[in-house]
């Protein structure tokens, strides 16, 4: 996981008042529409909003595009 993504997820988990692992579990369960987010800690009624899930997906896409651009730039620099 990219350090930037980890930092953003950790901040979102802190704002939600949960651990990073539980936050990621909740988001993934919500994204696929299965499971019972928060069931392990007795907070099964807590749900991650669609906007947070969308923001996480958008973040992954942005980090992926940035990584691809960086690789292209490195290759261009090495071949010049």
PDB file of N, CA and C in Angstrom:
ATOM      1  N   UNK A   1       0.851  -1.172   0.000  1.00  0.00           N
ATOM      2  CA  UNK A   1       0.000   0.000   0.000  1.00  0.00           C
ATOM      3  C   UNK A   1       0.896   1.234   0.000  1.00  0.00           C
ATOM      4  N   UNK A   2       0.526   2.192  -0.814  1.00  0.00           N
ATOM      5  CA  UNK A   2       1.297   3.433  -0.887  1.00  0.00           C
ATOM      6  C   UNK A   2       1.213   4.173   0.454  1.00  0.00           C
ATOM      7  N   UNK A   3       2.309   4.772   0.894  1.00  0.00           N
ATOM      8  CA  UNK A   3       2.303   5.485   2.173  1.00  0.00           C
ATOM      9  C   UNK A   3       1.252   6.596   2.236  1.00  0.00           C
ATOM     10  N   UNK A   4       1.031   7.255   1.100  1.00  0.00           N
ATOM     11  CA  UNK A   4       0.031   8.330   1.080  1.00  0.00           C
ATOM     12  C   UNK A   4      -1.377   7.780   1.324  1.00  0.00           C
ATOM     13  N   UNK A   5      -1.684   6.656   0.686  1.00  0.00           N
ATOM     14  CA  UNK A   5      -2.986   6.028   0.869  1.00  0.00           C
ATOM     15  C   UNK A   5      -3.137   5.557   2.305  1.00  0.00           C
ATOM     16  N   UNK A   6      -2.087   4.960   2.861  1.00  0.00           N
ATOM     17  CA  UNK A   6      -2.132   4.494   4.243  1.00  0.00           C
ATOM     18  C   UNK A   6      -2.421   5.656   5.187  1.00  0.00           C
ATOM     19  N   UNK A   7      -1.753   6.784   4.952  1.00  0.00           N
ATOM     20  CA  UNK A   7      -1.955   7.953   5.813  1.00  0.00           C
ATOM     21  C   UNK A   7      -3.384   8.466   5.719  1.00  0.00           C
ATOM     22  N   UNK A   8      -3.936   8.511   4.514  1.00  0.00           N
ATOM     23  CA  UNK A   8      -5.311   8.990   4.352  1.00  0.00           C
ATOM     24  C   UNK A   8      -6.301   8.036   5.004  1.00  0.00           C
ATOM     25  N   UNK A   9      -6.078   6.740   4.834  1.00  0.00           N
ATOM     26  CA  UNK A   9      -6.962   5.758   5.462  1.00  0.00           C
ATOM     27  C   UNK A   9      -6.874   5.842   6.984  1.00  0.00           C
ATOM     28  N   UNK A  10      -5.662   5.997   7.503  1.00  0.00           N
ATOM     29  CA  UNK A  10      -5.491   6.110   8.951  1.00  0.00           C
ATOM     30  C   UNK A  10      -6.217   7.338   9.489  1.00  0.00           C
ATOM     31  N   UNK A  11      -6.139   8.449   8.760  1.00  0.00           N
ATOM     32  CA  UNK A  11      -6.850   9.658   9.182  1.00  0.00           C
ATOM     33  C   UNK A  11      -8.357   9.473   9.149  1.00  0.00           C
ATOM     34  N   UNK A  12      -8.850   8.815   8.106  1.00  0.00           N
ATOM     35  CA  UNK A  12     -10.296   8.561   8.010  1.00  0.00           C
ATOM     36  C   UNK A  12     -10.752   7.623   9.119  1.00  0.00           C
ATOM     37  N   UNK A  13      -9.933   6.623   9.432  1.00  0.00           N
ATOM     38  CA  UNK A  13     -10.277   5.689  10.516  1.00  0.00           C
ATOM     39  C   UNK A  13     -10.317   6.411  11.854  1.00  0.00           C
ATOM     40  N   UNK A  14      -9.360   7.302  12.059  1.00  0.00           N
ATOM     41  CA  UNK A  14      -9.331   8.066  13.308  1.00  0.00           C
ATOM     42  C   UNK A  14     -10.581   8.936  13.432  1.00  0.00           C
ATOM     43  N   UNK A  15     -10.967   9.592  12.335  1.00  0.00           N
ATOM     44  CA  UNK A  15     -12.175  10.417  12.357  1.00  0.00           C
ATOM     45  C   UNK A  15     -13.417   9.577  12.618  1.00  0.00           C
ATOM     46  N   UNK A  16     -13.408   8.334  12.121  1.00  0.00           N
ATOM     47  CA  UNK A  16     -14.553   7.444  12.334  1.00  0.00           C
ATOM     48  C   UNK A  16     -14.514   6.809  13.722  1.00  0.00           C
ATOM     49  N   UNK A  17     -13.413   6.997  14.437  1.00  0.00           N
ATOM     50  CA  UNK A  17     -13.306   6.451  15.784  1.00  0.00           C
ATOM     51  C   UNK A  17     -13.124   4.943  15.812  1.00  0.00           C
ATOM     52  N   UNK A  18     -12.389   4.418  14.839  1.00  0.00           N
ATOM     53  CA  UNK A  18     -12.177   2.973  14.762  1.00  0.00           C
ATOM     54  C   UNK A  18     -10.737   2.690  14.370  1.00  0.00           C
ATOM     55  N   UNK A  19     -10.356   1.432  14.461  1.00  0.00           N
ATOM     56  CA  UNK A  19      -9.001   1.063  14.048  1.00  0.00           C
ATOM     57  C   UNK A  19      -8.910   1.083  12.527  1.00  0.00           C
ATOM     58  N   UNK A  20      -7.694   1.184  12.036  1.00  0.00           N
ATOM     59  CA  UNK A  20      -7.480   1.192  10.587  1.00  0.00           C
ATOM     60  C   UNK A  20      -7.968  -0.113   9.967  1.00  0.00           C
ATOM     61  N   UNK A  21      -7.655  -1.238  10.587  1.00  0.00           N
ATOM     62  CA  UNK A  21      -8.088  -2.527  10.042  1.00  0.00           C
ATOM     63  C   UNK A  21      -9.610  -2.631   9.987  1.00  0.00           C
ATOM     64  N   UNK A  22     -10.286  -2.213  11.060  1.00  0.00           N
ATOM     65  CA  UNK A  22     -11.747  -2.293  11.072  1.00  0.00           C
ATOM     66  C   UNK A  22     -12.336  -1.338  10.037  1.00  0.00           C
ATOM     67  N   UNK A  23     -11.735  -0.162   9.896  1.00  0.00           N
ATOM     68  CA  UNK A  23     -12.219   0.802   8.910  1.00  0.00           C
ATOM     69  C   UNK A  23     -12.126   0.226   7.502  1.00  0.00           C
ATOM     70  N   UNK A  24     -10.980  -0.382   7.176  1.00  0.00           N
ATOM     71  CA  UNK A  24     -10.807  -0.982   5.851  1.00  0.00           C
ATOM     72  C   UNK A  24     -11.792  -2.127   5.653  1.00  0.00           C
ATOM     73  N   UNK A  25     -11.977  -2.964   6.683  1.00  0.00           N
ATOM     74  CA  UNK A  25     -12.967  -4.045   6.589  1.00  0.00           C
ATOM     75  C   UNK A  25     -14.361  -3.496   6.322  1.00  0.00           C
ATOM     76  N   UNK A  26     -14.729  -2.425   7.024  1.00  0.00           N
ATOM     77  CA  UNK A  26     -16.054  -1.823   6.843  1.00  0.00           C
ATOM     78  C   UNK A  26     -16.233  -1.284   5.428  1.00  0.00           C
ATOM     79  N   UNK A  27     -15.217  -0.589   4.931  1.00  0.00           N
ATOM     80  CA  UNK A  27     -15.302  -0.008   3.584  1.00  0.00           C
ATOM     81  C   UNK A  27     -15.408  -1.106   2.529  1.00  0.00           C
ATOM     82  N   UNK A  28     -14.591  -2.135   2.657  1.00  0.00           N
ATOM     83  CA  UNK A  28     -14.639  -3.215   1.683  1.00  0.00           C
ATOM     84  C   UNK A  28     -15.970  -3.956   1.741  1.00  0.00           C
ATOM     85  N   UNK A  29     -16.482  -4.222   2.930  1.00  0.00           N
ATOM     86  CA  UNK A  29     -17.771  -4.901   3.057  1.00  0.00           C
ATOM     87  C   UNK A  29     -18.880  -4.046   2.463  1.00  0.00           C
ATOM     88  N   UNK A  30     -18.809  -2.757   2.689  1.00  0.00           N
ATOM     89  CA  UNK A  30     -19.807  -1.849   2.136  1.00  0.00           C
ATOM     90  C   UNK A  30     -19.712  -1.783   0.614  1.00  0.00           C
ATOM     91  N   UNK A  31     -18.486  -1.805   0.098  1.00  0.00           N
ATOM     92  CA  UNK A  31     -18.283  -1.691  -1.344  1.00  0.00           C
ATOM     93  C   UNK A  31     -18.854  -2.880  -2.101  1.00  0.00           C
ATOM     94  N   UNK A  32     -18.779  -4.066  -1.509  1.00  0.00           N
ATOM     95  CA  UNK A  32     -19.291  -5.246  -2.194  1.00  0.00           C
ATOM     96  C   UNK A  32     -20.692  -5.615  -1.741  1.00  0.00           C
ATOM     97  N   UNK A  33     -21.215  -4.897  -0.755  1.00  0.00           N
ATOM     98  CA  UNK A  33     -22.588  -5.112  -0.312  1.00  0.00           C
ATOM     99  C   UNK A  33     -22.793  -6.397   0.462  1.00  0.00           C
ATOM    100  N   UNK A  34     -21.737  -6.919   1.075  1.00  0.00           N
ATOM    101  CA  UNK A  34     -21.864  -8.139   1.870  1.00  0.00           C
ATOM    102  C   UNK A  34     -21.271  -7.922   3.237  1.00  0.00           C
ATOM    103  N   UNK A  35     -21.398  -8.927   4.049  1.00  0.00           N
ATOM    104  CA  UNK A  35     -20.806  -8.866   5.380  1.00  0.00           C
ATOM    105  C   UNK A  35     -21.585  -7.961   6.288  1.00  0.00           C
ATOM    106  N   UNK A  36     -21.112  -7.847   7.485  1.00  0.00           N
ATOM    107  CA  UNK A  36     -21.733  -7.012   8.502  1.00  0.00           C
ATOM    108  C   UNK A  36     -20.664  -6.111   9.078  1.00  0.00           C
ATOM    109  N   UNK A  37     -20.459  -4.922   8.484  1.00  0.00           N
ATOM    110  CA  UNK A  37     -19.391  -4.045   8.942  1.00  0.00           C
ATOM    111  C   UNK A  37     -19.459  -3.806  10.435  1.00  0.00           C
ATOM    112  N   UNK A  38     -18.348  -3.965  11.098  1.00  0.00           N
ATOM    113  CA  UNK A  38     -18.276  -3.707  12.533  1.00  0.00           C
ATOM    114  C   UNK A  38     -18.775  -4.838  13.392  1.00  0.00           C
ATOM    115  N   UNK A  39     -19.182  -5.958  12.816  1.00  0.00           N
ATOM    116  CA  UNK A  39     -19.763  -7.037  13.603  1.00  0.00           C
ATOM    117  C   UNK A  39     -18.763  -7.605  14.602  1.00  0.00           C
ATOM    118  N   UNK A  40     -17.476  -7.619  14.251  1.00  0.00           N
ATOM    119  CA  UNK A  40     -16.482  -8.203  15.142  1.00  0.00           C
ATOM    120  C   UNK A  40     -16.362  -7.438  16.452  1.00  0.00           C
ATOM    121  N   UNK A  41     -16.611  -6.129  16.425  1.00  0.00           N
ATOM    122  CA  UNK A  41     -16.470  -5.359  17.652  1.00  0.00           C
ATOM    123  C   UNK A  41     -17.812  -4.950  18.251  1.00  0.00           C
ATOM    124  N   UNK A  42     -18.896  -5.599  17.797  1.00  0.00           N
ATOM    125  CA  UNK A  42     -20.205  -5.320  18.365  1.00  0.00           C
ATOM    126  C   UNK A  42     -20.855  -4.056  17.870  1.00  0.00           C
ATOM    127  N   UNK A  43     -20.328  -3.469  16.819  1.00  0.00           N
ATOM    128  CA  UNK A  43     -20.887  -2.230  16.293  1.00  0.00           C
ATOM    129  C   UNK A  43     -21.439  -2.460  14.899  1.00  0.00           C
ATOM    130  N   UNK A  44     -22.257  -3.461  14.737  1.00  0.00           N
ATOM    131  CA  UNK A  44     -22.759  -3.858  13.426  1.00  0.00           C
ATOM    132  C   UNK A  44     -23.620  -2.820  12.746  1.00  0.00           C
ATOM    133  N   UNK A  45     -24.144  -1.840  13.511  1.00  0.00           N
ATOM    134  CA  UNK A  45     -24.987  -0.827  12.885  1.00  0.00           C
ATOM    135  C   UNK A  45     -24.190   0.317  12.278  1.00  0.00           C
ATOM    136  N   UNK A  46     -22.874   0.347  12.486  1.00  0.00           N
ATOM    137  CA  UNK A  46     -22.044   1.402  11.906  1.00  0.00           C
ATOM    138  C   UNK A  46     -21.806   1.088  10.435  1.00  0.00           C
ATOM    139  N   UNK A  47     -22.030   2.047   9.573  1.00  0.00           N
ATOM    140  CA  UNK A  47     -21.829   1.868   8.135  1.00  0.00           C
ATOM    141  C   UNK A  47     -20.896   2.963   7.631  1.00  0.00           C
ATOM    142  N   UNK A  48     -20.099   2.623   6.655  1.00  0.00           N
ATOM    143  CA  UNK A  48     -19.235   3.596   6.004  1.00  0.00           C
ATOM    144  C   UNK A  48     -20.038   4.220   4.879  1.00  0.00           C
ATOM    145  N   UNK A  49     -20.020   5.533   4.808  1.00  0.00           N
ATOM    146  CA  UNK A  49     -20.822   6.216   3.800  1.00  0.00           C
ATOM    147  C   UNK A  49     -20.308   5.936   2.396  1.00  0.00           C
ATOM    148  N   UNK A  50     -21.186   6.059   1.433  1.00  0.00           N
ATOM    149  CA  UNK A  50     -20.798   5.860   0.031  1.00  0.00           C
ATOM    150  C   UNK A  50     -19.747   6.872  -0.393  1.00  0.00           C
ATOM    151  N   UNK A  51     -19.813   8.080   0.148  1.00  0.00           N
ATOM    152  CA  UNK A  51     -18.827   9.090  -0.242  1.00  0.00           C
ATOM    153  C   UNK A  51     -17.422   8.710   0.226  1.00  0.00           C
ATOM    154  N   UNK A  52     -17.314   8.079   1.393  1.00  0.00           N
ATOM    155  CA  UNK A  52     -16.009   7.644   1.871  1.00  0.00           C
ATOM    156  C   UNK A  52     -15.498   6.507   0.984  1.00  0.00           C
ATOM    157  N   UNK A  53     -16.372   5.567   0.661  1.00  0.00           N
ATOM    158  CA  UNK A  53     -15.971   4.467  -0.216  1.00  0.00           C
ATOM    159  C   UNK A  53     -15.545   5.007  -1.576  1.00  0.00           C
ATOM    160  N   UNK A  54     -16.303   5.951  -2.116  1.00  0.00           N
ATOM    161  CA  UNK A  54     -15.954   6.559  -3.396  1.00  0.00           C
ATOM    162  C   UNK A  54     -14.608   7.271  -3.294  1.00  0.00           C
ATOM    163  N   UNK A  55     -14.385   7.990  -2.197  1.00  0.00           N
ATOM    164  CA  UNK A  55     -13.122   8.707  -2.015  1.00  0.00           C
ATOM    165  C   UNK A  55     -11.947   7.734  -1.963  1.00  0.00           C
ATOM    166  N   UNK A  56     -12.138   6.594  -1.318  1.00  0.00           N
ATOM    167  CA  UNK A  56     -11.066   5.601  -1.257  1.00  0.00           C
ATOM    168  C   UNK A  56     -10.755   5.040  -2.638  1.00  0.00           C
ATOM    169  N   UNK A  57     -11.786   4.728  -3.397  1.00  0.00           N
ATOM    170  CA  UNK A  57     -11.574   4.206  -4.747  1.00  0.00           C
ATOM    171  C   UNK A  57     -10.898   5.264  -5.611  1.00  0.00           C
ATOM    172  N   UNK A  58     -11.374   6.510  -5.525  1.00  0.00           N
ATOM    173  CA  UNK A  58     -10.773   7.595  -6.297  1.00  0.00           C
ATOM    174  C   UNK A  58      -9.308   7.773  -5.918  1.00  0.00           C
ATOM    175  N   UNK A  59      -9.012   7.648  -4.631  1.00  0.00           N
ATOM    176  CA  UNK A  59      -7.631   7.787  -4.173  1.00  0.00           C
ATOM    177  C   UNK A  59      -6.753   6.698  -4.772  1.00  0.00           C
ATOM    178  N   UNK A  60      -7.240   5.468  -4.790  1.00  0.00           N
ATOM    179  CA  UNK A  60      -6.469   4.367  -5.371  1.00  0.00           C
ATOM    180  C   UNK A  60      -6.200   4.634  -6.846  1.00  0.00           C
ATOM    181  N   UNK A  61      -7.202   5.137  -7.559  1.00  0.00           N
ATOM    182  CA  UNK A  61      -7.033   5.433  -8.984  1.00  0.00           C
ATOM    183  C   UNK A  61      -5.987   6.530  -9.174  1.00  0.00           C
ATOM    184  N   UNK A  62      -6.065   7.586  -8.384  1.00  0.00           N
ATOM    185  CA  UNK A  62      -5.120   8.700  -8.510  1.00  0.00           C
ATOM    186  C   UNK A  62      -3.699   8.236  -8.203  1.00  0.00           C
ATOM    187  N   UNK A  63      -3.535   7.443  -7.157  1.00  0.00           N
ATOM    188  CA  UNK A  63      -2.204   6.952  -6.810  1.00  0.00           C
ATOM    189  C   UNK A  63      -1.674   6.048  -7.921  1.00  0.00           C
ATOM    190  N   UNK A  64      -2.541   5.223  -8.505  1.00  0.00           N
ATOM    191  CA  UNK A  64      -2.127   4.359  -9.610  1.00  0.00           C
ATOM    192  C   UNK A  64      -1.682   5.150 -10.821  1.00  0.00           C
ATOM    193  N   UNK A  65      -2.435   6.184 -11.159  1.00  0.00           N
ATOM    194  CA  UNK A  65      -2.074   7.026 -12.311  1.00  0.00           C
ATOM    195  C   UNK A  65      -0.756   7.746 -12.036  1.00  0.00           C
ATOM    196  N   UNK A  66      -0.589   8.246 -10.825  1.00  0.00           N
ATOM    197  CA  UNK A  66       0.658   8.931 -10.475  1.00  0.00           C
ATOM    198  C   UNK A  66       1.846   7.966 -10.546  1.00  0.00           C
ATOM    199  N   UNK A  67       1.651   6.740 -10.095  1.00  0.00           N
ATOM    200  CA  UNK A  67       2.728   5.746 -10.159  1.00  0.00           C
ATOM    201  C   UNK A  67       3.078   5.427 -11.608  1.00  0.00           C
ATOM    202  N   UNK A  68       2.064   5.272 -12.449  1.00  0.00           N
ATOM    203  CA  UNK A  68       2.320   4.993 -13.862  1.00  0.00           C
ATOM    204  C   UNK A  68       3.070   6.155 -14.519  1.00  0.00           C
ATOM    205  N   UNK A  69       2.658   7.381 -14.201  1.00  0.00           N
ATOM    206  CA  UNK A  69       3.332   8.549 -14.755  1.00  0.00           C
ATOM    207  C   UNK A  69       4.786   8.610 -14.288  1.00  0.00           C
ATOM    208  N   UNK A  70       5.023   8.283 -13.033  1.00  0.00           N
ATOM    209  CA  UNK A  70       6.388   8.286 -12.510  1.00  0.00           C
ATOM    210  C   UNK A  70       7.253   7.248 -13.221  1.00  0.00           C
ATOM    211  N   UNK A  71       6.694   6.084 -13.459  1.00  0.00           N
ATOM    212  CA  UNK A  71       7.447   5.042 -14.162  1.00  0.00           C
ATOM    213  C   UNK A  71       7.787   5.482 -15.569  1.00  0.00           C
ATOM    214  N   UNK A  72       6.810   6.085 -16.259  1.00  0.00           N
ATOM    215  CA  UNK A  72       7.065   6.587 -17.615  1.00  0.00           C
ATOM    216  C   UNK A  72       8.167   7.633 -17.602  1.00  0.00           C
ATOM    217  N   UNK A  73       8.111   8.553 -16.665  1.00  0.00           N
ATOM    218  CA  UNK A  73       9.137   9.599 -16.579  1.00  0.00           C
ATOM    219  C   UNK A  73      10.523   9.016 -16.293  1.00  0.00           C
ATOM    220  N   UNK A  74      10.578   8.012 -15.432  1.00  0.00           N
ATOM    221  CA  UNK A  74      11.861   7.377 -15.127  1.00  0.00           C
ATOM    222  C   UNK A  74      12.424   6.680 -16.359  1.00  0.00           C
ATOM    223  N   UNK A  75      11.558   5.963 -17.068  1.00  0.00           N
ATOM    224  CA  UNK A  75      11.998   5.281 -18.294  1.00  0.00           C
ATOM    225  C   UNK A  75      12.493   6.282 -19.321  1.00  0.00           C
ATOM    226  N   UNK A  76      11.763   7.377 -19.508  1.00  0.00           N
ATOM    227  CA  UNK A  76      12.180   8.418 -20.449  1.00  0.00           C
ATOM    228  C   UNK A  76      13.510   9.035 -20.046  1.00  0.00           C
ATOM    229  N   UNK A  77      13.687   9.257 -18.760  1.00  0.00           N
ATOM    230  CA  UNK A  77      14.927   9.847 -18.287  1.00  0.00           C
ATOM    231  C   UNK A  77      16.102   8.905 -18.491  1.00  0.00           C
ATOM    232  N   UNK A  78      15.884   7.622 -18.292  1.00  0.00           N
ATOM    233  CA  UNK A  78      16.960   6.662 -18.445  1.00  0.00           C
ATOM    234  C   UNK A  78      17.332   6.394 -19.894  1.00  0.00           C
ATOM    235  N   UNK A  79      16.381   6.584 -20.799  1.00  0.00           N
ATOM    236  CA  UNK A  79      16.656   6.331 -22.207  1.00  0.00           C
ATOM    237  C   UNK A  79      17.140   7.575 -22.941  1.00  0.00           C
ATOM    238  N   UNK A  80      17.163   8.701 -22.291  1.00  0.00           N
ATOM    239  CA  UNK A  80      17.604   9.947 -22.943  1.00  0.00           C
ATOM    240  C   UNK A  80      19.084  10.122 -22.868  1.00  0.00           C
TER     241      UNK A  80
END
